[in-house]
Amino acid sequence: MSRPRRLKWGVPEQPTPKHPYRDTALVYLGLAVVVVIVAVATGGALVNALVIAGLFWLAATTYGILNWRRKLRKLP
């Protein structure tokens, strides 16, 4: 009889992206554009949507960059 397999619950190691900061900023820029599109499509004010999306992008990108810096400092 063969032994049962054991599940591996850990996350596999992934290589660090070449441009983590740029990639983070672009992903959050795309999400900010989605916020503007949804706001305008549902009848919201364009200026308000742009301000909210800009603040969202700034906060999220800042958090993402700080998170990447922390991760990259831990690498050997």
C-alpha atoms as a PDB file:
ATOM      1  CA  MET A   1       0.000   0.000   0.000  1.00  0.00           C
ATOM      2  CA  SER A   2       1.303   3.479  -0.805  1.00  0.00           C
ATOM      3  CA  ARG A   3       1.643   6.281   1.713  1.00  0.00           C
ATOM      4  CA  PRO A   4      -0.928   9.047   1.554  1.00  0.00           C
ATOM      5  CA  ARG A   5       0.284  12.359   0.192  1.00  0.00           C
ATOM      6  CA  ARG A   6       0.776  15.290   2.506  1.00  0.00           C
ATOM      7  CA  LEU A   7      -0.652  18.653   1.585  1.00  0.00           C
ATOM      8  CA  LYS A   8       1.744  21.584   1.330  1.00  0.00           C
ATOM      9  CA  TRP A   9       0.053  24.650   2.784  1.00  0.00           C
ATOM     10  CA  GLY A  10       2.860  27.148   2.237  1.00  0.00           C
ATOM     11  CA  VAL A  11       2.877  29.722  -0.523  1.00  0.00           C
ATOM     12  CA  PRO A  12       5.448  28.886  -3.199  1.00  0.00           C
ATOM     13  CA  GLU A  13       8.406  31.237  -3.469  1.00  0.00           C
ATOM     14  CA  GLN A  14       8.051  33.633  -6.377  1.00  0.00           C
ATOM     15  CA  PRO A  15      10.846  35.678  -7.889  1.00  0.00           C
ATOM     16  CA  THR A  16      10.850  39.408  -7.191  1.00  0.00           C
ATOM     17  CA  PRO A  17       9.462  41.426 -10.114  1.00  0.00           C
ATOM     18  CA  LYS A  18      11.927  43.576 -12.048  1.00  0.00           C
ATOM     19  CA  HIS A  19       9.992  46.798 -11.337  1.00  0.00           C
ATOM     20  CA  PRO A  20       7.884  46.283  -8.214  1.00  0.00           C
ATOM     21  CA  TYR A  21       7.271  49.995  -7.550  1.00  0.00           C
ATOM     22  CA  ARG A  22       6.208  50.761 -11.105  1.00  0.00           C
ATOM     23  CA  ASP A  23       3.995  47.680 -11.257  1.00  0.00           C
ATOM     24  CA  THR A  24       2.316  48.654  -7.988  1.00  0.00           C
ATOM     25  CA  ALA A  25       1.620  52.176  -9.229  1.00  0.00           C
ATOM     26  CA  LEU A  26       0.198  50.891 -12.527  1.00  0.00           C
ATOM     27  CA  VAL A  27      -2.119  48.361 -10.870  1.00  0.00           C
ATOM     28  CA  TYR A  28      -3.542  50.990  -8.544  1.00  0.00           C
ATOM     29  CA  LEU A  29      -3.827  53.447 -11.440  1.00  0.00           C
ATOM     30  CA  GLY A  30      -5.964  50.886 -13.249  1.00  0.00           C
ATOM     31  CA  LEU A  31      -8.178  50.504 -10.186  1.00  0.00           C
ATOM     32  CA  ALA A  32      -8.496  54.293  -9.913  1.00  0.00           C
ATOM     33  CA  VAL A  33      -9.621  54.433 -13.546  1.00  0.00           C
ATOM     34  CA  VAL A  34     -12.251  51.789 -12.757  1.00  0.00           C
ATOM     35  CA  VAL A  35     -13.491  53.960  -9.868  1.00  0.00           C
ATOM     36  CA  VAL A  36     -13.884  56.938 -12.222  1.00  0.00           C
ATOM     37  CA  ILE A  37     -15.640  54.866 -14.887  1.00  0.00           C
ATOM     38  CA  VAL A  38     -18.087  53.370 -12.388  1.00  0.00           C
ATOM     39  CA  ALA A  39     -18.792  56.765 -10.831  1.00  0.00           C
ATOM     40  CA  VAL A  40     -19.496  58.407 -14.180  1.00  0.00           C
ATOM     41  CA  ALA A  41     -21.526  55.433 -15.435  1.00  0.00           C
ATOM     42  CA  THR A  42     -23.762  55.590 -12.361  1.00  0.00           C
ATOM     43  CA  GLY A  43     -24.367  59.318 -12.699  1.00  0.00           C
ATOM     44  CA  GLY A  44     -21.759  60.671 -10.298  1.00  0.00           C
ATOM     45  CA  ALA A  45     -19.856  63.901 -10.763  1.00  0.00           C
ATOM     46  CA  LEU A  46     -16.675  63.542 -12.804  1.00  0.00           C
ATOM     47  CA  VAL A  47     -14.685  66.000 -10.675  1.00  0.00           C
ATOM     48  CA  ASN A  48     -15.607  64.236  -7.431  1.00  0.00           C
ATOM     49  CA  ALA A  49     -14.735  60.869  -8.969  1.00  0.00           C
ATOM     50  CA  LEU A  50     -11.341  62.157 -10.134  1.00  0.00           C
ATOM     51  CA  VAL A  51     -10.524  63.572  -6.694  1.00  0.00           C
ATOM     52  CA  ILE A  52     -11.564  60.391  -4.885  1.00  0.00           C
ATOM     53  CA  ALA A  53      -9.742  58.175  -7.389  1.00  0.00           C
ATOM     54  CA  GLY A  54      -6.619  60.341  -7.109  1.00  0.00           C
ATOM     55  CA  LEU A  55      -6.633  60.100  -3.317  1.00  0.00           C
ATOM     56  CA  PHE A  56      -7.239  56.353  -3.542  1.00  0.00           C
ATOM     57  CA  TRP A  57      -4.333  55.968  -5.966  1.00  0.00           C
ATOM     58  CA  LEU A  58      -2.007  58.041  -3.782  1.00  0.00           C
ATOM     59  CA  ALA A  59      -2.845  56.171  -0.574  1.00  0.00           C
ATOM     60  CA  ALA A  60      -2.756  52.715  -2.146  1.00  0.00           C
ATOM     61  CA  THR A  61       0.473  53.347  -4.068  1.00  0.00           C
ATOM     62  CA  THR A  62       2.177  54.744  -0.972  1.00  0.00           C
ATOM     63  CA  TYR A  63       1.131  51.707   1.055  1.00  0.00           C
ATOM     64  CA  GLY A  64       2.240  49.349  -1.738  1.00  0.00           C
ATOM     65  CA  ILE A  65       5.651  50.969  -2.096  1.00  0.00           C
ATOM     66  CA  LEU A  66       6.254  50.929   1.647  1.00  0.00           C
ATOM     67  CA  ASN A  67       5.233  47.274   1.738  1.00  0.00           C
ATOM     68  CA  TRP A  68       7.630  46.434  -1.118  1.00  0.00           C
ATOM     69  CA  ARG A  69      10.470  48.297   0.591  1.00  0.00           C
ATOM     70  CA  ARG A  70       9.898  46.268   3.754  1.00  0.00           C
ATOM     71  CA  LYS A  71       9.885  42.999   1.795  1.00  0.00           C
ATOM     72  CA  LEU A  72      12.967  43.883  -0.250  1.00  0.00           C
ATOM     73  CA  ARG A  73      14.953  44.802   2.861  1.00  0.00           C
ATOM     74  CA  LYS A  74      14.349  41.318   4.269  1.00  0.00           C
ATOM     75  CA  LEU A  75      15.840  39.616   1.200  1.00  0.00           C
ATOM     76  CA  PRO A  76      19.488  38.528   1.389  1.00  0.00           C
END
